[in-house]
């Protein structure tokens, strides 16, 4: 029975090839167990994190490499047609290079997560921040994949130089058809070089007010105050006026207060003194940047212009509420009355003399 021939090979040869593949699967199981119970424990005792990252990122490519090798050995010992043998040979060369590239990409990406991302978040270096990390990651990983793909194609016998030349000839036509995309790419480069904002900043651009979630090569994503996600092409951001709200050192608040017309000059002076002394009553108000003055005679009130600056925007609403409550309390204690729209009608009664 084992000597029976099926598709050019005996049943015995087919079974041996299948057993080689099954053996590779069992070997992969052993590799996973050894890596989990022995190597991880050993690397966990070392001070450096580099060996942990290396073995963690190496596991999946090694498992795939074992399977590729097993399939290659199993297929090469069988009598197959010339076309099938050529297909297996080229596929093996192509996938092996891609597997090595995959490992390099995983390892480099893990290094970025382990070292560059914490450095950007903790701001331990002035050359990195969370805005540059995405472009560094995409640029480096994209370059590795491009090099790996070219090497894999070369291993298959493809003339990479001729392929690149052909792409260069068609590049002009592609550029003409993708003008908006190219504009967005240059816009992304401009954002990364000028750095008008960073990820996490609150900005106002093109009528949208929100926090920057991601800066890509083609577009920038904002999370608006309504919690909606807005994607804006980079060239529109470059051409628009950008207001970076996060970068403001202080927030100016302008108030108009109106007192009733029966307010005496002494009471008006007292009201101005109360407003100017608010930095002593409320925290986070800049005592150097405060202005209160009797601005005008209104239609139904004596108007006061009050301008102050809040130091920390993270407590903007709370500070404004505390200022308003303090003004209300102090004015009520001083007997100062706020005006509301009123109209006084004076009637003159003329008596006729007979």
Foldseek 3Di string as FASTA:
>chain_A
DQQDDDQQRGVVLLVVLVVLLVVLVVVLVVLVVCCVPPVCVVVVPDPDCLSVLLSVLVSVLVSVVSNLVSNLVSVVVGDHDPVVNLVNQLVSLLVNLVSVLSSVLSSVVVVCVVPVQVCQVVVVDVVHHQQCSVVVSCVVNVVSNVVSNLSSCVSSVDPSVVVVVVCVVCVVVVCVVPVLQVLLQVLLVVCVVVVPDGQQWFKAKPNFTFGWHHRDSFWTWGQGPVRDIDTGGSNRRVPIDMGGPRPDQKDKDKDKFFFAPVQDPVNVVVLQVQLLCCCVVAPQWDNVAWDKDQDDDDPGTRMIITMTIGRDPVCVVVRVVVSVVSSVVVCVVSVTHTTDDDDDDDDDDDDDDD
